[in-house]
């Protein structure tokens, strides 16, 4: 792909068609900017997915801890009820 662009650039310069070369150069710059923007978008999506995964694992851990705490509280309540009955 780079060789293709290089050939076009050299052809335009050797034919002394500066205006066409300028249009080509601007087009190449726009193409590079578009590729950079696409790469940034993909990187942003990847980072957002990582954040979602961390959030989900955090919530899963919290759920496990809450269930454990509820189980412990239920056990304590049963002991208190049995102590009150005695």
PDB file of N, CA and C in Angstrom:
ATOM      1  N   UNK A   1       0.833  -1.186   0.000  1.00  0.00           N
ATOM      2  CA  UNK A   1       0.000   0.000   0.000  1.00  0.00           C
ATOM      3  C   UNK A   1       0.878   1.250   0.000  1.00  0.00           C
ATOM      4  N   UNK A   2       1.943   1.226   0.779  1.00  0.00           N
ATOM      5  CA  UNK A   2       2.825   2.380   0.842  1.00  0.00           C
ATOM      6  C   UNK A   2       3.528   2.582  -0.497  1.00  0.00           C
ATOM      7  N   UNK A   3       3.923   1.475  -1.145  1.00  0.00           N
ATOM      8  CA  UNK A   3       4.570   1.581  -2.453  1.00  0.00           C
ATOM      9  C   UNK A   3       3.626   2.216  -3.466  1.00  0.00           C
ATOM     10  N   UNK A   4       2.353   1.868  -3.352  1.00  0.00           N
ATOM     11  CA  UNK A   4       1.347   2.422  -4.251  1.00  0.00           C
ATOM     12  C   UNK A   4       1.288   3.941  -4.119  1.00  0.00           C
ATOM     13  N   UNK A   5       1.227   4.416  -2.887  1.00  0.00           N
ATOM     14  CA  UNK A   5       1.177   5.861  -2.657  1.00  0.00           C
ATOM     15  C   UNK A   5       2.481   6.528  -3.078  1.00  0.00           C
ATOM     16  N   UNK A   6       3.597   5.866  -2.839  1.00  0.00           N
ATOM     17  CA  UNK A   6       4.891   6.423  -3.219  1.00  0.00           C
ATOM     18  C   UNK A   6       4.981   6.607  -4.729  1.00  0.00           C
ATOM     19  N   UNK A   7       4.500   5.617  -5.471  1.00  0.00           N
ATOM     20  CA  UNK A   7       4.523   5.709  -6.936  1.00  0.00           C
ATOM     21  C   UNK A   7       3.662   6.866  -7.432  1.00  0.00           C
ATOM     22  N   UNK A   8       2.491   7.013  -6.854  1.00  0.00           N
ATOM     23  CA  UNK A   8       1.609   8.121  -7.251  1.00  0.00           C
ATOM     24  C   UNK A   8       2.288   9.456  -6.956  1.00  0.00           C
ATOM     25  N   UNK A   9       2.871   9.569  -5.788  1.00  0.00           N
ATOM     26  CA  UNK A   9       3.529  10.818  -5.395  1.00  0.00           C
ATOM     27  C   UNK A   9       4.677  11.142  -6.344  1.00  0.00           C
ATOM     28  N   UNK A  10       5.504  10.169  -6.639  1.00  0.00           N
ATOM     29  CA  UNK A  10       6.649  10.407  -7.531  1.00  0.00           C
ATOM     30  C   UNK A  10       6.187  10.750  -8.938  1.00  0.00           C
ATOM     31  N   UNK A  11       5.134  10.105  -9.400  1.00  0.00           N
ATOM     32  CA  UNK A  11       4.615  10.382 -10.738  1.00  0.00           C
ATOM     33  C   UNK A  11       4.117  11.822 -10.827  1.00  0.00           C
ATOM     34  N   UNK A  12       3.378  12.268  -9.820  1.00  0.00           N
ATOM     35  CA  UNK A  12       2.856  13.631  -9.838  1.00  0.00           C
ATOM     36  C   UNK A  12       3.977  14.661  -9.765  1.00  0.00           C
ATOM     37  N   UNK A  13       5.014  14.370  -8.990  1.00  0.00           N
ATOM     38  CA  UNK A  13       6.126  15.322  -8.876  1.00  0.00           C
ATOM     39  C   UNK A  13       6.950  15.379 -10.156  1.00  0.00           C
ATOM     40  N   UNK A  14       7.142  14.235 -10.805  1.00  0.00           N
ATOM     41  CA  UNK A  14       7.958  14.248 -12.028  1.00  0.00           C
ATOM     42  C   UNK A  14       7.225  14.911 -13.183  1.00  0.00           C
ATOM     43  N   UNK A  15       5.899  14.891 -13.144  1.00  0.00           N
ATOM     44  CA  UNK A  15       5.117  15.529 -14.213  1.00  0.00           C
ATOM     45  C   UNK A  15       4.880  17.009 -13.943  1.00  0.00           C
ATOM     46  N   UNK A  16       5.410  17.523 -12.839  1.00  0.00           N
ATOM     47  CA  UNK A  16       5.255  18.927 -12.447  1.00  0.00           C
ATOM     48  C   UNK A  16       3.783  19.336 -12.331  1.00  0.00           C
ATOM     49  N   UNK A  17       3.006  18.494 -11.758  1.00  0.00           N
ATOM     50  CA  UNK A  17       1.590  18.805 -11.514  1.00  0.00           C
ATOM     51  C   UNK A  17       1.425  19.053 -10.019  1.00  0.00           C
ATOM     52  N   UNK A  18       1.842  20.251  -9.629  1.00  0.00           N
ATOM     53  CA  UNK A  18       1.854  20.575  -8.202  1.00  0.00           C
ATOM     54  C   UNK A  18       0.452  20.619  -7.617  1.00  0.00           C
ATOM     55  N   UNK A  19      -0.514  21.144  -8.347  1.00  0.00           N
ATOM     56  CA  UNK A  19      -1.877  21.239  -7.806  1.00  0.00           C
ATOM     57  C   UNK A  19      -2.455  19.839  -7.550  1.00  0.00           C
ATOM     58  N   UNK A  20      -2.223  18.913  -8.472  1.00  0.00           N
ATOM     59  CA  UNK A  20      -2.708  17.545  -8.257  1.00  0.00           C
ATOM     60  C   UNK A  20      -1.961  16.892  -7.093  1.00  0.00           C
ATOM     61  N   UNK A  21      -0.671  17.184  -6.993  1.00  0.00           N
ATOM     62  CA  UNK A  21       0.103  16.634  -5.882  1.00  0.00           C
ATOM     63  C   UNK A  21      -0.412  17.174  -4.556  1.00  0.00           C
ATOM     64  N   UNK A  22      -0.756  18.455  -4.514  1.00  0.00           N
ATOM     65  CA  UNK A  22      -1.277  19.065  -3.293  1.00  0.00           C
ATOM     66  C   UNK A  22      -2.594  18.407  -2.887  1.00  0.00           C
ATOM     67  N   UNK A  23      -3.462  18.172  -3.870  1.00  0.00           N
ATOM     68  CA  UNK A  23      -4.737  17.495  -3.579  1.00  0.00           C
ATOM     69  C   UNK A  23      -4.462  16.080  -3.064  1.00  0.00           C
ATOM     70  N   UNK A  24      -3.527  15.394  -3.699  1.00  0.00           N
ATOM     71  CA  UNK A  24      -3.150  14.051  -3.247  1.00  0.00           C
ATOM     72  C   UNK A  24      -2.631  14.078  -1.815  1.00  0.00           C
ATOM     73  N   UNK A  25      -1.755  15.057  -1.521  1.00  0.00           N
ATOM     74  CA  UNK A  25      -1.169  15.146  -0.177  1.00  0.00           C
ATOM     75  C   UNK A  25      -2.253  15.396   0.866  1.00  0.00           C
ATOM     76  N   UNK A  26      -3.190  16.268   0.555  1.00  0.00           N
ATOM     77  CA  UNK A  26      -4.290  16.540   1.494  1.00  0.00           C
ATOM     78  C   UNK A  26      -5.133  15.281   1.691  1.00  0.00           C
ATOM     79  N   UNK A  27      -5.390  14.560   0.609  1.00  0.00           N
ATOM     80  CA  UNK A  27      -6.143  13.307   0.720  1.00  0.00           C
ATOM     81  C   UNK A  27      -5.427  12.288   1.577  1.00  0.00           C
ATOM     82  N   UNK A  28      -4.116  12.210   1.428  1.00  0.00           N
ATOM     83  CA  UNK A  28      -3.339  11.266   2.235  1.00  0.00           C
ATOM     84  C   UNK A  28      -3.370  11.660   3.711  1.00  0.00           C
ATOM     85  N   UNK A  29      -3.294  12.941   3.985  1.00  0.00           N
ATOM     86  CA  UNK A  29      -3.367  13.420   5.375  1.00  0.00           C
ATOM     87  C   UNK A  29      -4.726  13.078   5.971  1.00  0.00           C
ATOM     88  N   UNK A  30      -5.779  13.300   5.199  1.00  0.00           N
ATOM     89  CA  UNK A  30      -7.130  12.978   5.692  1.00  0.00           C
ATOM     90  C   UNK A  30      -7.254  11.483   5.965  1.00  0.00           C
ATOM     91  N   UNK A  31      -6.687  10.682   5.083  1.00  0.00           N
ATOM     92  CA  UNK A  31      -6.713   9.232   5.279  1.00  0.00           C
ATOM     93  C   UNK A  31      -6.004   8.823   6.571  1.00  0.00           C
ATOM     94  N   UNK A  32      -4.872   9.413   6.833  1.00  0.00           N
ATOM     95  CA  UNK A  32      -4.114   9.114   8.059  1.00  0.00           C
ATOM     96  C   UNK A  32      -4.919   9.530   9.290  1.00  0.00           C
ATOM     97  N   UNK A  33      -5.554  10.698   9.216  1.00  0.00           N
ATOM     98  CA  UNK A  33      -6.362  11.166  10.350  1.00  0.00           C
ATOM     99  C   UNK A  33      -7.526  10.214  10.607  1.00  0.00           C
ATOM    100  N   UNK A  34      -8.163   9.754   9.553  1.00  0.00           N
ATOM    101  CA  UNK A  34      -9.285   8.814   9.713  1.00  0.00           C
ATOM    102  C   UNK A  34      -8.815   7.521  10.370  1.00  0.00           C
ATOM    103  N   UNK A  35      -7.675   7.010   9.934  1.00  0.00           N
ATOM    104  CA  UNK A  35      -7.138   5.783  10.526  1.00  0.00           C
ATOM    105  C   UNK A  35      -6.817   5.983  12.005  1.00  0.00           C
ATOM    106  N   UNK A  36      -6.254   7.138  12.345  1.00  0.00           N
ATOM    107  CA  UNK A  36      -5.936   7.436  13.749  1.00  0.00           C
ATOM    108  C   UNK A  36      -7.212   7.509  14.579  1.00  0.00           C
ATOM    109  N   UNK A  37      -8.240   8.155  14.037  1.00  0.00           N
ATOM    110  CA  UNK A  37      -9.506   8.255  14.772  1.00  0.00           C
ATOM    111  C   UNK A  37     -10.141   6.877  14.980  1.00  0.00           C
ATOM    112  N   UNK A  38     -10.053   6.023  13.984  1.00  0.00           N
ATOM    113  CA  UNK A  38     -10.593   4.665  14.130  1.00  0.00           C
ATOM    114  C   UNK A  38      -9.822   3.908  15.216  1.00  0.00           C
ATOM    115  N   UNK A  39      -8.500   4.053  15.209  1.00  0.00           N
ATOM    116  CA  UNK A  39      -7.682   3.379  16.226  1.00  0.00           C
ATOM    117  C   UNK A  39      -8.019   3.890  17.620  1.00  0.00           C
ATOM    118  N   UNK A  40      -8.220   5.187  17.756  1.00  0.00           N
ATOM    119  CA  UNK A  40      -8.595   5.752  19.062  1.00  0.00           C
ATOM    120  C   UNK A  40      -9.953   5.233  19.520  1.00  0.00           C
ATOM    121  N   UNK A  41     -10.896   5.129  18.586  1.00  0.00           N
ATOM    122  CA  UNK A  41     -12.223   4.621  18.933  1.00  0.00           C
ATOM    123  C   UNK A  41     -12.141   3.178  19.404  1.00  0.00           C
ATOM    124  N   UNK A  42     -11.361   2.362  18.704  1.00  0.00           N
ATOM    125  CA  UNK A  42     -11.204   0.964  19.114  1.00  0.00           C
ATOM    126  C   UNK A  42     -10.551   0.862  20.490  1.00  0.00           C
ATOM    127  N   UNK A  43      -9.562   1.708  20.735  1.00  0.00           N
ATOM    128  CA  UNK A  43      -8.895   1.709  22.037  1.00  0.00           C
ATOM    129  C   UNK A  43      -9.866   2.121  23.137  1.00  0.00           C
ATOM    130  N   UNK A  44     -10.690   3.119  22.867  1.00  0.00           N
ATOM    131  CA  UNK A  44     -11.675   3.572  23.852  1.00  0.00           C
ATOM    132  C   UNK A  44     -12.674   2.465  24.164  1.00  0.00           C
ATOM    133  N   UNK A  45     -13.129   1.762  23.123  1.00  0.00           N
ATOM    134  CA  UNK A  45     -14.060   0.657  23.348  1.00  0.00           C
ATOM    135  C   UNK A  45     -13.416  -0.447  24.183  1.00  0.00           C
ATOM    136  N   UNK A  46     -12.153  -0.727  23.907  1.00  0.00           N
ATOM    137  CA  UNK A  46     -11.446  -1.753  24.666  1.00  0.00           C
ATOM    138  C   UNK A  46     -11.332  -1.359  26.139  1.00  0.00           C
ATOM    139  N   UNK A  47     -11.002  -0.101  26.395  1.00  0.00           N
ATOM    140  CA  UNK A  47     -10.897   0.378  27.778  1.00  0.00           C
ATOM    141  C   UNK A  47     -12.252   0.332  28.478  1.00  0.00           C
ATOM    142  N   UNK A  48     -13.316   0.699  27.773  1.00  0.00           N
ATOM    143  CA  UNK A  48     -14.655   0.645  28.371  1.00  0.00           C
ATOM    144  C   UNK A  48     -15.048  -0.783  28.709  1.00  0.00           C
ATOM    145  N   UNK A  49     -14.698  -1.723  27.839  1.00  0.00           N
ATOM    146  CA  UNK A  49     -15.000  -3.131  28.123  1.00  0.00           C
ATOM    147  C   UNK A  49     -14.239  -3.618  29.348  1.00  0.00           C
ATOM    148  N   UNK A  50     -12.979  -3.177  29.491  1.00  0.00           N
ATOM    149  CA  UNK A  50     -12.207  -3.561  30.681  1.00  0.00           C
ATOM    150  C   UNK A  50     -12.863  -3.002  31.936  1.00  0.00           C
ATOM    151  N   UNK A  51     -13.311  -1.751  31.878  1.00  0.00           N
ATOM    152  CA  UNK A  51     -13.967  -1.140  33.036  1.00  0.00           C
ATOM    153  C   UNK A  51     -15.250  -1.877  33.390  1.00  0.00           C
ATOM    154  N   UNK A  52     -16.012  -2.296  32.367  1.00  0.00           N
ATOM    155  CA  UNK A  52     -17.238  -3.052  32.621  1.00  0.00           C
ATOM    156  C   UNK A  52     -16.923  -4.370  33.318  1.00  0.00           C
ATOM    157  N   UNK A  53     -15.884  -5.049  32.838  1.00  0.00           N
ATOM    158  CA  UNK A  53     -15.504  -6.324  33.442  1.00  0.00           C
ATOM    159  C   UNK A  53     -15.089  -6.152  34.894  1.00  0.00           C
ATOM    160  N   UNK A  54     -14.332  -5.096  35.183  1.00  0.00           N
ATOM    161  CA  UNK A  54     -13.918  -4.831  36.562  1.00  0.00           C
ATOM    162  C   UNK A  54     -15.146  -4.530  37.419  1.00  0.00           C
ATOM    163  N   UNK A  55     -16.071  -3.745  36.874  1.00  0.00           N
ATOM    164  CA  UNK A  55     -17.291  -3.421  37.607  1.00  0.00           C
ATOM    165  C   UNK A  55     -18.133  -4.655  37.895  1.00  0.00           C
ATOM    166  N   UNK A  56     -18.244  -5.523  36.918  1.00  0.00           N
ATOM    167  CA  UNK A  56     -19.031  -6.747  37.104  1.00  0.00           C
ATOM    168  C   UNK A  56     -18.383  -7.643  38.147  1.00  0.00           C
ATOM    169  N   UNK A  57     -17.063  -7.770  38.096  1.00  0.00           N
ATOM    170  CA  UNK A  57     -16.401  -8.619  39.097  1.00  0.00           C
ATOM    171  C   UNK A  57     -16.538  -8.008  40.492  1.00  0.00           C
ATOM    172  N   UNK A  58     -16.466  -6.675  40.575  1.00  0.00           N
ATOM    173  CA  UNK A  58     -16.650  -6.003  41.863  1.00  0.00           C
ATOM    174  C   UNK A  58     -18.049  -6.267  42.407  1.00  0.00           C
ATOM    175  N   UNK A  59     -19.056  -6.131  41.552  1.00  0.00           N
ATOM    176  CA  UNK A  59     -20.430  -6.376  41.992  1.00  0.00           C
ATOM    177  C   UNK A  59     -20.643  -7.835  42.388  1.00  0.00           C
ATOM    178  N   UNK A  60     -20.010  -8.740  41.672  1.00  0.00           N
ATOM    179  CA  UNK A  60     -20.122 -10.163  42.018  1.00  0.00           C
ATOM    180  C   UNK A  60     -19.523 -10.436  43.390  1.00  0.00           C
ATOM    181  N   UNK A  61     -18.361  -9.841  43.649  1.00  0.00           N
ATOM    182  CA  UNK A  61     -17.737  -9.997  44.967  1.00  0.00           C
ATOM    183  C   UNK A  61     -18.605  -9.393  46.061  1.00  0.00           C
ATOM    184  N   UNK A  62     -19.190  -8.225  45.795  1.00  0.00           N
ATOM    185  CA  UNK A  62     -20.074  -7.606  46.788  1.00  0.00           C
ATOM    186  C   UNK A  62     -21.274  -8.493  47.071  1.00  0.00           C
ATOM    187  N   UNK A  63     -21.839  -9.089  46.015  1.00  0.00           N
ATOM    188  CA  UNK A  63     -22.993  -9.965  46.189  1.00  0.00           C
ATOM    189  C   UNK A  63     -22.634 -11.163  47.062  1.00  0.00           C
ATOM    190  N   UNK A  64     -21.475 -11.743  46.815  1.00  0.00           N
ATOM    191  CA  UNK A  64     -21.024 -12.886  47.617  1.00  0.00           C
ATOM    192  C   UNK A  64     -20.847 -12.487  49.072  1.00  0.00           C
ATOM    193  N   UNK A  65     -20.249 -11.321  49.310  1.00  0.00           N
ATOM    194  CA  UNK A  65     -20.046 -10.853  50.685  1.00  0.00           C
ATOM    195  C   UNK A  65     -21.374 -10.580  51.380  1.00  0.00           C
ATOM    196  N   UNK A  66     -22.322  -9.982  50.659  1.00  0.00           N
ATOM    197  CA  UNK A  66     -23.636  -9.698  51.256  1.00  0.00           C
ATOM    198  C   UNK A  66     -24.350 -10.998  51.601  1.00  0.00           C
ATOM    199  N   UNK A  67     -24.279 -11.977  50.712  1.00  0.00           N
ATOM    200  CA  UNK A  67     -24.900 -13.268  51.007  1.00  0.00           C
ATOM    201  C   UNK A  67     -24.250 -13.922  52.225  1.00  0.00           C
ATOM    202  N   UNK A  68     -22.944 -13.809  52.324  1.00  0.00           N
ATOM    203  CA  UNK A  68     -22.231 -14.363  53.483  1.00  0.00           C
ATOM    204  C   UNK A  68     -22.656 -13.644  54.761  1.00  0.00           C
ATOM    205  N   UNK A  69     -22.754 -12.315  54.685  1.00  0.00           N
ATOM    206  CA  UNK A  69     -23.181 -11.534  55.853  1.00  0.00           C
ATOM    207  C   UNK A  69     -24.611 -11.883  56.256  1.00  0.00           C
ATOM    208  N   UNK A  70     -25.478 -12.045  55.273  1.00  0.00           N
ATOM    209  CA  UNK A  70     -26.863 -12.412  55.583  1.00  0.00           C
ATOM    210  C   UNK A  70     -26.932 -13.779  56.252  1.00  0.00           C
ATOM    211  N   UNK A  71     -26.125 -14.699  55.786  1.00  0.00           N
ATOM    212  CA  UNK A  71     -26.094 -16.026  56.388  1.00  0.00           C
ATOM    213  C   UNK A  71     -25.608 -15.941  57.836  1.00  0.00           C
ATOM    214  N   UNK A  72     -24.577 -15.137  58.069  1.00  0.00           N
ATOM    215  CA  UNK A  72     -24.055 -14.973  59.431  1.00  0.00           C
ATOM    216  C   UNK A  72     -25.093 -14.306  60.328  1.00  0.00           C
ATOM    217  N   UNK A  73     -25.788 -13.300  59.811  1.00  0.00           N
ATOM    218  CA  UNK A  73     -26.826 -12.632  60.600  1.00  0.00           C
ATOM    219  C   UNK A  73     -27.977 -13.581  60.908  1.00  0.00           C
ATOM    220  N   UNK A  74     -28.346 -14.393  59.948  1.00  0.00           N
ATOM    221  CA  UNK A  74     -29.416 -15.364  60.168  1.00  0.00           C
ATOM    222  C   UNK A  74     -29.030 -16.340  61.275  1.00  0.00           C
ATOM    223  N   UNK A  75     -27.786 -16.778  61.279  1.00  0.00           N
ATOM    224  CA  UNK A  75     -27.302 -17.688  62.326  1.00  0.00           C
ATOM    225  C   UNK A  75     -27.354 -17.002  63.687  1.00  0.00           C
ATOM    226  N   UNK A  76     -26.927 -15.765  63.754  1.00  0.00           N
ATOM    227  CA  UNK A  76     -26.950 -15.029  65.032  1.00  0.00           C
ATOM    228  C   UNK A  76     -28.371 -14.824  65.533  1.00  0.00           C
ATOM    229  N   UNK A  77     -29.282 -14.517  64.612  1.00  0.00           N
ATOM    230  CA  UNK A  77     -30.683 -14.319  65.009  1.00  0.00           C
ATOM    231  C   UNK A  77     -31.249 -15.620  65.574  1.00  0.00           C
ATOM    232  N   UNK A  78     -30.957 -16.736  64.961  1.00  0.00           N
ATOM    233  CA  UNK A  78     -31.435 -18.020  65.465  1.00  0.00           C
ATOM    234  C   UNK A  78     -30.872 -18.300  66.855  1.00  0.00           C
ATOM    235  N   UNK A  79     -29.582 -17.986  67.069  1.00  0.00           N
ATOM    236  CA  UNK A  79     -29.000 -18.181  68.398  1.00  0.00           C
ATOM    237  C   UNK A  79     -29.678 -17.289  69.421  1.00  0.00           C
ATOM    238  N   UNK A  80     -29.936 -16.031  69.056  1.00  0.00           N
ATOM    239  CA  UNK A  80     -30.616 -15.132  69.978  1.00  0.00           C
ATOM    240  C   UNK A  80     -31.999 -15.639  70.316  1.00  0.00           C
ATOM    241  N   UNK A  81     -32.748 -16.117  69.347  1.00  0.00           N
ATOM    242  CA  UNK A  81     -34.091 -16.662  69.601  1.00  0.00           C
ATOM    243  C   UNK A  81     -34.029 -17.871  70.519  1.00  0.00           C
ATOM    244  N   UNK A  82     -33.012 -18.715  70.282  1.00  0.00           N
ATOM    245  CA  UNK A  82     -32.901 -19.896  71.154  1.00  0.00           C
ATOM    246  C   UNK A  82     -32.504 -19.483  72.559  1.00  0.00           C
ATOM    247  N   UNK A  83     -31.667 -18.454  72.717  1.00  0.00           N
ATOM    248  CA  UNK A  83     -31.291 -17.968  74.038  1.00  0.00           C
ATOM    249  C   UNK A  83     -32.487 -17.337  74.744  1.00  0.00           C
ATOM    250  N   UNK A  84     -33.297 -16.633  73.988  1.00  0.00           N
ATOM    251  CA  UNK A  84     -34.479 -16.008  74.591  1.00  0.00           C
ATOM    252  C   UNK A  84     -35.462 -17.073  75.056  1.00  0.00           C
ATOM    253  N   UNK A  85     -35.611 -18.134  74.299  1.00  0.00           N
ATOM    254  CA  UNK A  85     -36.532 -19.216  74.673  1.00  0.00           C
ATOM    255  C   UNK A  85     -36.044 -19.956  75.911  1.00  0.00           C
ATOM    256  N   UNK A  86     -34.743 -20.038  76.116  1.00  0.00           N
ATOM    257  CA  UNK A  86     -34.209 -20.742  77.301  1.00  0.00           C
ATOM    258  C   UNK A  86     -34.276 -19.818  78.464  1.00  0.00           C
TER     259      UNK A  86
END
